[in-house]
């Protein structure tokens, strides 16, 4: 019991202590809360006081600003009124000045209108005066026309000619005078042009000819085969002519065996076939076995050899001319010209020579030398094909070369070198000049006596066909013709016209190598006798 009472006593002390501690804590908490409340109230009251103080101060500032704004507004209003009054005054002054200026302009316009009215009246008066004068002029013209007609009638009566006849006579006189003047002027112009052109052409041609060296004798194609004996003729003919028939059939040529001793003649229009036949015949003569089978065998071998020779000749010609890049088909046809001649001149050698000359002329003219050489080498290639194709050799050659040649200038030089197209450019003229130099040089060509005499006769006949010609003479192997005219019928100007007309007729009607000089001579002789 004592222990229990002691425990209760201890417990009561602890409880009281705890209660005292709790009461103390609550007192502290409430004191803290009351402090907070009192502090917040003090702060709130102090802030409210400060706010009221600031509000009163702001209200005072606002009132002061309002007073200042009112004062400033009054000043601005007064200034604005003053400025408005000034602007209104200036506007009134400007309006007043404008009105004065408008009044002055109206006055000036009125004065100008009055001046214009006076001028219009003066112009009307002048127009009436001009109309009156125009009527007077018309009347005077009518009178003059009448007087003119009367005078013309009097002149017709005096002259014994009508007006139309007089006009015709006057026109004839004027035409004769103008014709003479025209001829004189044309002569002067021709002399001026010829002087410059001849000097330049002479320099180019002389330089070109001097740079080129050619043989005087050209190679010609032979068509006669020499036999070892006349006995060979019988063997060539064979029994019942079978050998000669086999040879003609294999080669396409005609074998002529006549009375010519130890020789036979081969006749064919195609020179290549004639060459194949010649080689076949030589092989037969050397072999000695002459029968149809052997003839066909040797003819085939000769054909292959000739074709190889043709290709080699074409390649050699291109090499000599300095032309590269030709197609194989073109070289084969070009080589065929080895067996073609023109007036005794070998056409392949002539083509190589033309290529060289064309290149030299092109060098002098400062144009493409390669194109000029190419056109010169191929200009006569149509002569290797004209046996089977219709047309001129220039056109045939151009048509053949065109598919293989990329340069149109080369084709133009080929087709235009004989001026058959009607138009010609620089390549046609250049190729034609080189062709003429190669053909016309001494020793280059020969022609038959019949053709030579015929050309001379044709030249003289053309000259004699002109009125006023007394006599004509073809001289210098047909390279010049001299015409003597009747001086009483042909004057100096007419002689010039005649020379030009004869040249034109020769160019249109004759074929000739090189050029022909036409000289018209007019001589007046005065003869008298002393008695």
Protein backbone atom coordinates (compact mmCIF):
# COMPACT_ATOMS: atom_id res chain seq x y z
CA UNK A 1 0.00 0.00 0.00
CA UNK A 2 2.82 2.25 0.82
CA UNK A 3 4.37 1.46 -2.47
CA UNK A 4 1.11 2.21 -4.25
CA UNK A 5 0.66 5.43 -2.39
CA UNK A 6 4.22 6.37 -3.18
CA UNK A 7 3.62 5.54 -6.85
CA UNK A 8 0.48 7.60 -6.95
CA UNK A 9 2.23 10.43 -5.28
CA UNK A 10 5.04 10.30 -7.82
CA UNK A 11 2.52 10.05 -10.61
CA UNK A 12 0.63 13.08 -9.31
CA UNK A 13 3.85 15.07 -9.17
CA UNK A 14 4.71 14.17 -12.75
CA UNK A 15 1.18 14.95 -13.84
CA UNK A 16 1.26 18.28 -12.21
CA UNK A 17 4.61 19.00 -13.73
CA UNK A 18 3.28 18.00 -17.13
CA UNK A 19 0.21 20.12 -16.60
CA UNK A 20 2.34 23.01 -15.53
CA UNK A 21 4.51 22.56 -18.59
CA UNK A 22 1.45 22.41 -20.87
CA UNK A 23 -0.01 25.48 -19.28
CA UNK A 24 3.28 27.28 -19.70
CA UNK A 25 3.48 26.24 -23.36
CA UNK A 26 -0.10 27.35 -24.03
CA UNK A 27 0.64 30.65 -22.32
CA UNK A 28 3.69 31.12 -24.50
CA UNK A 29 1.70 30.17 -27.66
CA UNK A 30 -1.15 32.57 -26.83
CA UNK A 31 1.36 35.29 -25.97
CA UNK A 32 3.05 34.72 -29.34
CA UNK A 33 -0.26 34.84 -31.20
CA UNK A 34 -1.33 37.97 -29.38
CA UNK A 35 2.02 39.52 -30.22
CA UNK A 36 1.58 38.66 -33.83
CA UNK A 37 -1.89 40.10 -33.89
CA UNK A 38 -0.80 43.26 -32.12
CA UNK A 39 2.25 43.55 -34.41
CA UNK A 40 0.13 43.05 -37.55
CA UNK A 41 -2.33 45.61 -36.31
CA UNK A 42 0.45 48.06 -35.59
CA UNK A 43 1.97 47.44 -39.03
CA UNK A 44 -1.41 47.74 -40.74
CA UNK A 45 -2.16 50.95 -38.93
CA UNK A 46 1.26 52.33 -39.74
CA UNK A 47 0.87 51.38 -43.44
CA UNK A 48 -2.58 52.88 -43.57
CA UNK A 49 -1.18 56.05 -42.09
CA UNK A 50 1.60 56.11 -44.62
CA UNK A 51 -0.86 55.35 -47.46
CA UNK A 52 -3.15 58.17 -46.36
CA UNK A 53 -0.17 60.46 -46.15
CA UNK A 54 0.96 59.47 -49.69
CA UNK A 55 -2.59 59.82 -50.98
CA UNK A 56 -2.80 63.29 -49.60
CA UNK A 57 0.58 64.15 -51.06
CA UNK A 58 -0.44 62.72 -54.50
CA UNK A 59 -3.70 64.62 -54.34
CA UNK A 60 -1.74 67.79 -53.75
CA UNK A 61 0.57 67.02 -56.66
CA UNK A 62 -2.39 66.35 -58.91
CA UNK A 63 -4.03 69.58 -57.93
CA UNK A 64 -0.77 71.43 -58.61
CA UNK A 65 -0.50 69.69 -62.04
CA UNK A 66 -4.08 70.58 -62.88
CA UNK A 67 -3.41 74.18 -62.03
CA UNK A 68 -0.25 74.19 -64.16
CA UNK A 69 -2.08 72.44 -67.04
CA UNK A 70 -4.86 74.99 -66.91
CA UNK A 71 -2.35 77.80 -67.06
CA UNK A 72 -0.43 76.14 -69.92
CA UNK A 73 -3.68 75.40 -71.79
CA UNK A 74 -4.66 79.01 -71.52
CA UNK A 75 -1.27 80.03 -72.92
CA UNK A 76 -1.52 77.49 -75.79
CA UNK A 77 -5.05 78.61 -76.58
CA UNK A 78 -3.94 82.21 -76.67
CA UNK A 79 -1.01 81.27 -78.94
CA UNK A 80 -3.30 79.24 -81.21
CA UNK A 81 -5.72 82.08 -81.52
CA UNK A 82 -2.86 84.39 -82.36
CA UNK A 83 -1.54 81.89 -85.01
CA UNK A 84 -5.01 81.40 -86.45
CA UNK A 85 -5.45 85.11 -86.78
CA UNK A 86 -2.10 85.31 -88.58
CA UNK A 87 -2.98 82.45 -90.95
CA UNK A 88 -6.34 83.97 -91.72
CA UNK A 89 -4.67 87.30 -92.41
CA UNK A 90 -2.12 85.67 -94.72
CA UNK A 91 -4.87 83.75 -96.52
CA UNK A 92 -6.89 86.89 -97.01
CA UNK A 93 -3.81 88.67 -98.39
CA UNK A 94 -3.07 85.75 -100.76
CA UNK A 95 -6.68 85.64 -101.95
CA UNK A 96 -6.54 89.35 -102.53
CA UNK A 97 -3.33 89.02 -104.56
CA UNK A 98 -4.78 86.09 -106.58
CA UNK A 99 -7.84 88.10 -107.41
CA UNK A 100 -5.63 90.98 -108.57
CA UNK A 101 -3.54 88.57 -110.71
CA UNK A 102 -6.66 86.99 -112.22
CA UNK A 103 -7.98 90.40 -113.01
CA UNK A 104 -4.71 91.29 -114.77
CA UNK A 105 -4.78 87.99 -116.74
CA UNK A 106 -8.37 88.60 -117.80
CA UNK A 107 -7.30 91.99 -119.01
CA UNK A 108 -4.40 90.54 -121.00
CA UNK A 109 -6.61 87.79 -122.47
CA UNK A 110 -9.09 90.38 -123.55
CA UNK A 111 -6.34 92.37 -125.22
CA UNK A 112 -5.00 89.23 -126.97
CA UNK A 113 -8.46 88.30 -128.17
CA UNK A 114 -8.79 91.74 -129.65
CA UNK A 115 -5.39 91.39 -131.38
CA UNK A 116 -6.33 87.92 -132.72
CA UNK A 117 -9.59 89.23 -134.08
CA UNK A 118 -7.72 91.98 -135.87
CA UNK A 119 -5.24 89.41 -137.31
CA UNK A 120 -8.05 87.11 -138.43
CA UNK A 121 -9.64 89.99 -140.23
CA UNK A 122 -6.27 90.77 -141.88
CA UNK A 123 -5.87 87.10 -142.93
CA UNK A 124 -9.35 87.00 -144.36
CA UNK A 125 -8.51 90.10 -146.33
CA UNK A 126 -5.25 88.52 -147.55
CA UNK A 127 -7.05 85.29 -148.52
CA UNK A 128 -9.52 87.23 -150.57
CA UNK A 129 -6.60 89.02 -152.22
CA UNK A 130 -4.83 85.69 -152.96
CA UNK A 131 -7.95 84.20 -154.47
CA UNK A 132 -8.21 87.19 -156.70
CA UNK A 133 -4.55 86.84 -157.73
CA UNK A 134 -5.02 83.08 -158.31
CA UNK A 135 -7.83 83.82 -160.71
CA UNK A 136 -5.59 86.34 -162.47
CA UNK A 137 -2.77 83.73 -162.71
CA UNK A 138 -5.16 81.12 -164.16
CA UNK A 139 -6.28 83.61 -166.72
CA UNK A 140 -2.65 84.45 -167.58
CA UNK A 141 -1.78 80.73 -167.88
CA UNK A 142 -4.69 80.18 -170.21
CA UNK A 143 -3.49 83.07 -172.33
CA UNK A 144 0.08 81.72 -172.30
CA UNK A 145 -1.15 78.27 -173.35
CA UNK A 146 -3.03 79.82 -176.23
CA UNK A 147 0.04 81.78 -177.26
CA UNK A 148 2.14 78.59 -176.97
CA UNK A 149 -0.19 76.69 -179.25
CA UNK A 150 -0.10 79.52 -181.77
CA UNK A 151 3.71 79.61 -181.61
CA UNK A 152 3.92 75.81 -182.00
CA UNK A 153 1.74 76.01 -185.08
CA UNK A 154 3.97 78.71 -186.49
CA UNK A 155 7.10 76.62 -185.67
CA UNK A 156 5.61 73.53 -187.33
CA UNK A 157 4.84 75.60 -190.42
CA UNK A 158 8.37 77.05 -190.50
CA UNK A 159 10.21 73.73 -189.71
CA UNK A 160 7.95 71.55 -191.81
CA UNK A 161 7.72 69.00 -188.91
CA UNK A 162 4.97 68.00 -186.57
CA UNK A 163 5.40 68.06 -182.81
CA UNK A 164 5.61 64.26 -182.63
CA UNK A 165 8.22 64.21 -185.36
CA UNK A 166 10.23 66.88 -183.58
CA UNK A 167 10.00 64.89 -180.33
CA UNK A 168 11.14 61.72 -182.11
CA UNK A 169 14.06 63.59 -183.69
CA UNK A 170 15.03 65.06 -180.34
CA UNK A 171 14.80 61.63 -178.68
CA UNK A 172 17.06 60.12 -181.34
CA UNK A 173 19.60 62.87 -180.80
CA UNK A 174 19.45 62.35 -177.04
CA UNK A 175 19.74 58.56 -177.37
CA UNK A 176 22.77 58.89 -179.64
CA UNK A 177 24.38 61.36 -177.25
CA UNK A 178 23.57 59.22 -174.19
CA UNK A 179 24.75 56.06 -175.94
CA UNK A 180 28.10 57.66 -176.65
CA UNK A 181 28.36 58.97 -173.11
CA UNK A 182 27.34 55.57 -171.71
CA UNK A 183 29.95 53.79 -173.81
CA UNK A 184 32.61 56.31 -172.78
CA UNK A 185 31.70 55.95 -169.10
CA UNK A 186 31.61 52.14 -169.35
CA UNK A 187 35.04 52.22 -170.98
CA UNK A 188 36.42 54.37 -168.18
CA UNK A 189 34.91 52.10 -165.51
CA UNK A 190 36.18 48.98 -167.25
CA UNK A 191 39.66 50.47 -167.49
CA UNK A 192 39.66 51.33 -163.78
CA UNK A 193 38.39 47.90 -162.73
CA UNK A 194 40.61 46.07 -165.20
CA UNK A 195 43.68 47.98 -164.07
CA UNK A 196 43.31 46.86 -160.45
CA UNK A 197 42.03 43.37 -161.24
CA UNK A 198 44.66 42.69 -163.92
CA UNK A 199 47.50 43.68 -161.63
CA UNK A 200 46.27 41.40 -158.85
CA UNK A 201 45.41 38.50 -161.20
CA UNK A 202 48.75 38.86 -162.99
CA UNK A 203 50.67 38.69 -159.74
CA UNK A 204 48.75 35.62 -158.57
CA UNK A 205 48.99 33.75 -161.88
CA UNK A 206 52.64 34.60 -162.51
CA UNK A 207 53.58 33.52 -159.00
CA UNK A 208 51.58 30.30 -159.40
CA UNK A 209 53.02 29.45 -162.82
CA UNK A 210 56.56 30.20 -161.67
CA UNK A 211 56.14 27.91 -158.67
CA UNK A 212 54.84 25.03 -160.81
CA UNK A 213 57.15 22.92 -162.95
CA UNK A 214 55.58 20.46 -165.44
CA UNK A 215 56.75 18.35 -168.31
CA UNK A 216 55.94 19.65 -171.77
CA UNK A 217 55.07 16.20 -173.12
CA UNK A 218 52.22 14.37 -171.39
CA UNK A 219 51.60 10.65 -171.37
CA UNK A 220 49.04 9.31 -173.82
CA UNK A 221 47.16 6.02 -173.90
CA UNK A 222 48.21 3.58 -176.60
CA UNK A 223 45.80 1.25 -178.38
CA UNK A 224 48.21 -0.59 -180.69
CA UNK A 225 49.89 -3.90 -179.76
CA UNK A 226 53.06 -4.96 -181.54
CA UNK A 227 53.25 -8.60 -182.68
CA UNK A 228 56.46 -10.63 -183.01
CA UNK A 229 55.39 -11.69 -186.52
CA UNK A 230 52.45 -11.60 -188.88
CA UNK A 231 51.94 -15.32 -188.20
CA UNK A 232 50.61 -14.36 -184.78
CA UNK A 233 47.61 -12.65 -186.43
CA UNK A 234 46.30 -16.01 -187.64
CA UNK A 235 46.72 -17.59 -184.23
CA UNK A 236 44.87 -14.65 -182.63
CA UNK A 237 41.99 -15.12 -185.04
CA UNK A 238 41.84 -18.89 -184.47
CA UNK A 239 39.79 -21.49 -186.21
CA UNK A 240 36.64 -19.86 -187.56
CA UNK A 241 37.53 -16.78 -185.48
CA UNK A 242 36.86 -18.42 -182.11
CA UNK A 243 39.96 -16.92 -180.46
CA UNK A 244 39.24 -13.34 -181.51
CA UNK A 245 35.59 -13.77 -180.48
CA UNK A 246 36.62 -15.12 -177.06
CA UNK A 247 39.03 -12.20 -176.60
CA UNK A 248 36.45 -9.60 -177.57
CA UNK A 249 33.84 -11.23 -175.32
CA UNK A 250 36.20 -11.48 -172.33
CA UNK A 251 37.56 -7.91 -172.56
CA UNK A 252 34.68 -5.98 -174.19
CA UNK A 253 36.86 -4.42 -176.89
CA UNK A 254 37.06 -4.76 -180.64
CA UNK A 255 40.21 -6.35 -182.04
CA UNK A 256 41.08 -4.91 -185.45
CA UNK A 257 43.48 -7.02 -187.47
CA UNK A 258 44.26 -5.31 -190.78
CA UNK A 259 47.17 -5.02 -193.19
CA UNK A 260 49.34 -3.14 -190.73
CA UNK A 261 52.51 -5.23 -190.46
CA UNK A 262 53.18 -6.89 -187.12
CA UNK A 263 50.55 -4.88 -185.24
CA UNK A 264 46.91 -5.10 -184.22
CA UNK A 265 44.63 -2.30 -183.04
CA UNK A 266 42.36 -2.35 -179.98
CA UNK A 267 39.21 -0.24 -180.25
CA UNK A 268 36.99 0.57 -177.26
CA UNK A 269 35.36 3.69 -175.90
CA UNK A 270 36.28 2.73 -172.32
CA UNK A 271 40.07 3.20 -171.85
CA UNK A 272 40.15 0.81 -168.87
CA UNK A 273 38.70 -2.04 -170.92
CA UNK A 274 41.18 -1.18 -173.67
CA UNK A 275 44.06 -1.44 -171.18
CA UNK A 276 42.79 -4.80 -169.88
CA UNK A 277 42.63 -6.08 -173.46
CA UNK A 278 46.15 -4.78 -174.20
CA UNK A 279 47.64 -6.55 -171.19
CA UNK A 280 45.69 -9.73 -171.97
CA UNK A 281 46.97 -9.70 -175.54
CA UNK A 282 50.58 -9.19 -174.40
CA UNK A 283 50.25 -12.08 -171.92
CA UNK A 284 48.84 -14.33 -174.65
CA UNK A 285 51.69 -13.46 -177.00
CA UNK A 286 54.29 -14.17 -174.32
CA UNK A 287 52.54 -17.37 -173.17
CA UNK A 288 51.99 -18.74 -176.67
CA UNK A 289 48.96 -20.81 -175.65
CA UNK A 290 46.08 -19.09 -177.39
CA UNK A 291 42.68 -20.71 -176.97
CA UNK A 292 39.35 -19.55 -175.43
CA UNK A 293 39.92 -21.03 -171.96
CA UNK A 294 43.39 -19.53 -171.70
CA UNK A 295 42.08 -16.20 -172.99
CA UNK A 296 39.43 -16.04 -170.25
CA UNK A 297 42.00 -16.95 -167.56
CA UNK A 298 44.52 -14.33 -168.67
CA UNK A 299 41.78 -11.71 -169.13
CA UNK A 300 40.70 -12.20 -165.49
CA UNK A 301 44.30 -11.86 -164.29
CA UNK A 302 44.79 -8.73 -166.42
CA UNK A 303 41.60 -7.27 -164.98
CA UNK A 304 42.79 -7.81 -161.41
CA UNK A 305 46.18 -6.32 -162.22
CA UNK A 306 44.61 -3.26 -163.85
CA UNK A 307 42.30 -2.74 -160.89
CA UNK A 308 45.30 -2.89 -158.54
CA UNK A 309 47.15 -0.47 -160.81
CA UNK A 310 44.16 1.87 -160.82
CA UNK A 311 43.98 1.92 -157.02
CA UNK A 312 47.73 2.47 -156.76
CA UNK A 313 47.53 5.27 -159.34
CA UNK A 314 44.73 6.95 -157.38
CA UNK A 315 46.68 6.71 -154.11
CA UNK A 316 49.84 8.00 -155.79
CA UNK A 317 47.98 10.93 -157.36
CA UNK A 318 46.44 11.88 -153.98
CA UNK A 319 49.89 11.67 -152.38
CA UNK A 320 51.49 13.82 -155.09
CA UNK A 321 48.72 16.41 -154.82
CA UNK A 322 48.93 16.51 -151.01
CA UNK A 323 45.30 15.47 -150.57
CA UNK A 324 44.57 13.08 -147.71
CA UNK A 325 41.53 11.26 -146.37
CA UNK A 326 39.92 10.25 -149.68
CA UNK A 327 37.59 7.26 -149.52
CA UNK A 328 38.58 4.01 -151.21
CA UNK A 329 35.69 4.32 -153.70
CA UNK A 330 36.90 7.77 -154.75
CA UNK A 331 40.51 6.60 -155.14
CA UNK A 332 39.43 3.73 -157.40
CA UNK A 333 37.52 6.05 -159.73
CA UNK A 334 40.28 8.67 -159.60
CA UNK A 335 42.86 6.07 -160.66
CA UNK A 336 40.80 5.27 -163.79
CA UNK A 337 41.84 8.69 -165.13
CA UNK A 338 45.32 7.20 -165.69
CA UNK A 339 43.93 5.66 -168.88
CA UNK A 340 41.97 8.74 -170.00
CA UNK A 341 43.38 11.53 -172.17
CA UNK A 342 42.00 14.89 -173.26
CA UNK A 343 43.59 16.53 -176.32
CA UNK A 344 46.54 14.18 -175.75
CA UNK A 345 46.95 15.29 -172.11
CA UNK A 346 46.73 12.55 -169.47
CA UNK A 347 43.76 13.46 -167.29
CA UNK A 348 45.20 12.05 -164.05
CA UNK A 349 48.45 14.00 -164.44
CA UNK A 350 46.37 17.01 -165.38
CA UNK A 351 44.28 16.61 -162.19
CA UNK A 352 47.39 16.45 -159.99
CA UNK A 353 48.73 19.54 -161.73
CA UNK A 354 45.42 21.38 -161.24
CA UNK A 355 45.45 20.46 -157.54
CA UNK A 356 48.92 21.94 -157.13
CA UNK A 357 48.03 25.09 -159.05
CA UNK A 358 44.78 25.53 -157.13
CA UNK A 359 46.66 25.21 -153.84
CA UNK A 360 49.15 27.87 -154.94
CA UNK A 361 46.39 30.25 -156.03
CA UNK A 362 44.55 29.65 -152.75
CA UNK A 363 47.72 30.48 -150.86
CA UNK A 364 48.03 33.77 -152.74
CA UNK A 365 44.36 34.58 -152.05
CA UNK A 366 44.64 33.62 -148.34
CA UNK A 367 41.85 31.01 -148.53
CA UNK A 368 41.73 27.34 -147.48
CA UNK A 369 44.52 25.55 -149.39
CA UNK A 370 43.31 22.04 -148.47
CA UNK A 371 39.84 22.64 -149.98
CA UNK A 372 41.38 24.13 -153.13
CA UNK A 373 43.69 21.13 -153.64
CA UNK A 374 40.86 18.68 -153.04
CA UNK A 375 38.57 20.39 -155.56
CA UNK A 376 41.42 20.63 -158.10
CA UNK A 377 42.31 16.94 -157.81
CA UNK A 378 38.68 15.77 -158.17
CA UNK A 379 37.46 18.36 -160.71
CA UNK A 380 37.65 15.94 -163.70
CA UNK A 381 36.71 12.74 -161.86
CA UNK A 382 33.46 12.68 -163.82
CA UNK A 383 35.46 11.87 -166.98
CA UNK A 384 36.09 8.39 -165.53
CA UNK A 385 32.32 7.82 -165.34
CA UNK A 386 30.85 9.69 -168.30
CA UNK A 387 30.92 6.59 -170.53
CA UNK A 388 28.00 5.12 -168.61
CA UNK A 389 26.18 8.19 -167.23
CA UNK A 390 24.50 11.01 -169.13
CA UNK A 391 25.43 14.59 -168.38
CA UNK A 392 28.49 16.81 -168.31
CA UNK A 393 31.57 15.50 -166.56
CA UNK A 394 31.42 18.35 -164.02
CA UNK A 395 27.88 17.44 -162.94
CA UNK A 396 28.62 13.69 -163.01
CA UNK A 397 31.74 14.19 -160.89
CA UNK A 398 29.93 16.38 -158.35
CA UNK A 399 27.08 13.85 -158.01
CA UNK A 400 29.59 11.04 -157.48
CA UNK A 401 31.74 12.87 -154.92
CA UNK A 402 28.88 14.40 -152.90
CA UNK A 403 28.06 11.25 -150.79
CA UNK A 404 31.75 10.78 -149.87
CA UNK A 405 32.75 14.42 -149.37
CA UNK A 406 31.86 16.32 -146.19
CA UNK A 407 32.92 19.72 -147.49
CA UNK A 408 30.30 21.40 -149.75
CA UNK A 409 33.02 23.78 -151.02
CA UNK A 410 34.80 20.88 -152.75
CA UNK A 411 31.58 19.81 -154.49
CA UNK A 412 30.96 23.44 -155.52
CA UNK A 413 34.45 23.69 -157.03
CA UNK A 414 33.83 20.52 -159.08
CA UNK A 415 30.37 21.40 -160.39
CA UNK A 416 31.17 25.07 -161.09
CA UNK A 417 34.59 24.85 -162.73
CA UNK A 418 33.07 25.08 -166.25
CA UNK A 419 30.39 27.65 -165.19
CA UNK A 420 27.58 25.37 -166.37
CA UNK A 421 25.38 26.04 -163.33
CA UNK A 422 24.83 29.73 -164.13
CA UNK A 423 26.37 30.82 -160.84
CA UNK A 424 29.87 30.33 -159.48
CA UNK A 425 31.57 31.11 -156.21
CA UNK A 426 35.20 31.53 -155.24
CA UNK A 427 35.91 27.77 -155.40
CA UNK A 428 34.46 27.48 -158.91
CA UNK A 429 36.54 30.42 -160.17
CA UNK A 430 39.65 29.16 -158.40
CA UNK A 431 39.34 25.62 -159.82
CA UNK A 432 38.55 26.99 -163.29
CA UNK A 433 41.64 29.23 -163.23
CA UNK A 434 43.90 26.34 -162.23
CA UNK A 435 42.28 24.12 -164.90
CA UNK A 436 42.85 26.78 -167.58
CA UNK A 437 46.51 27.24 -166.60
CA UNK A 438 47.17 23.50 -166.75
CA UNK A 439 45.33 23.06 -170.06
CA UNK A 440 46.59 26.15 -171.87
CA UNK A 441 50.29 26.01 -171.03
CA UNK A 442 52.56 25.30 -174.03
CA UNK A 443 52.89 21.59 -174.83
CA UNK A 444 50.10 20.50 -172.53
CA UNK A 445 47.57 19.53 -175.19
CA UNK A 446 47.28 18.79 -178.83
CA UNK A 447 44.29 18.69 -181.09
CA UNK A 448 43.54 17.37 -184.51
CA UNK A 449 44.15 19.50 -187.57
CA UNK A 450 40.45 19.35 -188.50
CA UNK A 451 39.33 20.73 -185.12
CA UNK A 452 42.02 23.40 -185.23
CA UNK A 453 41.03 24.61 -188.72
CA UNK A 454 37.34 24.48 -187.83
CA UNK A 455 37.89 26.67 -184.79
CA UNK A 456 39.78 29.22 -186.87
CA UNK A 457 37.00 29.30 -189.46
CA UNK A 458 34.34 29.67 -186.78
CA UNK A 459 36.23 32.57 -185.21
CA UNK A 460 36.42 34.45 -188.50
CA UNK A 461 32.77 33.70 -189.31
CA UNK A 462 31.64 35.12 -185.95
CA UNK A 463 33.67 38.30 -186.55
CA UNK A 464 32.45 38.70 -190.15
CA UNK A 465 28.80 38.41 -189.06
CA UNK A 466 28.90 41.90 -187.49
CA UNK A 467 27.95 44.92 -189.54
CA UNK A 468 30.82 47.24 -190.49
CA UNK A 469 33.53 44.53 -190.47
CA UNK A 470 35.81 44.74 -193.47
CA UNK A 471 38.09 41.75 -192.80
CA UNK A 472 38.99 39.45 -189.92
CA UNK A 473 42.09 37.33 -189.28
CA UNK A 474 42.54 34.51 -186.74
CA UNK A 475 46.20 34.52 -185.70
CA UNK A 476 48.51 32.98 -183.06
CA UNK A 477 47.03 29.49 -183.47
CA UNK A 478 43.55 30.80 -182.78
CA UNK A 479 44.50 32.58 -179.55
CA UNK A 480 43.77 36.02 -181.08
CA UNK A 481 41.49 37.42 -183.75
CA UNK A 482 41.99 40.82 -185.32
CA UNK A 483 39.07 42.60 -186.97
CA UNK A 484 39.43 45.48 -189.41
CA UNK A 485 36.32 47.69 -189.51
CA UNK A 486 35.16 50.34 -191.94
CA UNK A 487 36.00 53.70 -190.35
CA UNK A 488 33.13 55.53 -192.05
CA UNK A 489 30.60 53.11 -190.57
CA UNK A 490 32.10 52.29 -187.13
CA UNK A 491 33.39 55.03 -184.81
CA UNK A 492 35.67 54.51 -181.81
CA UNK A 493 32.87 53.93 -179.32
CA UNK A 494 31.11 51.50 -181.65
CA UNK A 495 34.40 49.61 -182.06
CA UNK A 496 34.56 49.15 -178.30
CA UNK A 497 31.00 47.86 -178.23
CA UNK A 498 31.76 45.52 -181.14
CA UNK A 499 34.76 43.99 -179.34
CA UNK A 500 32.64 43.29 -176.29
CA UNK A 501 29.80 41.79 -178.38
CA UNK A 502 32.21 39.54 -180.32
CA UNK A 503 33.72 38.28 -177.07
CA UNK A 504 30.26 37.43 -175.76
CA UNK A 505 29.32 35.58 -178.96
CA UNK A 506 32.59 33.59 -178.93
CA UNK A 507 32.03 32.57 -175.31
CA UNK A 508 28.49 31.42 -176.10
CA UNK A 509 29.17 29.62 -179.39
CA UNK A 510 32.67 28.10 -179.29
CA UNK A 511 34.66 25.63 -177.25
CA UNK A 512 38.36 26.48 -177.00
CA UNK A 513 41.31 25.97 -174.65
CA UNK A 514 42.64 28.95 -172.70
CA UNK A 515 41.44 32.37 -173.87
CA UNK A 516 41.02 34.27 -177.13
CA UNK A 517 42.04 37.91 -177.53
CA UNK A 518 39.72 40.06 -179.66
CA UNK A 519 41.28 43.18 -181.24
CA UNK A 520 39.15 45.63 -183.29
CA UNK A 521 41.21 47.96 -185.49
CA UNK A 522 39.82 51.19 -186.95
CA UNK A 523 42.07 53.19 -189.25
CA UNK A 524 41.20 56.37 -191.17
CA UNK A 525 43.38 57.24 -194.13
CA UNK A 526 43.34 60.61 -195.91
CA UNK A 527 44.62 60.35 -199.51
CA UNK A 528 44.84 63.16 -202.01
CA UNK A 529 46.76 63.82 -205.25
CA UNK A 530 48.57 66.96 -206.35
CA UNK A 531 48.01 67.70 -210.01
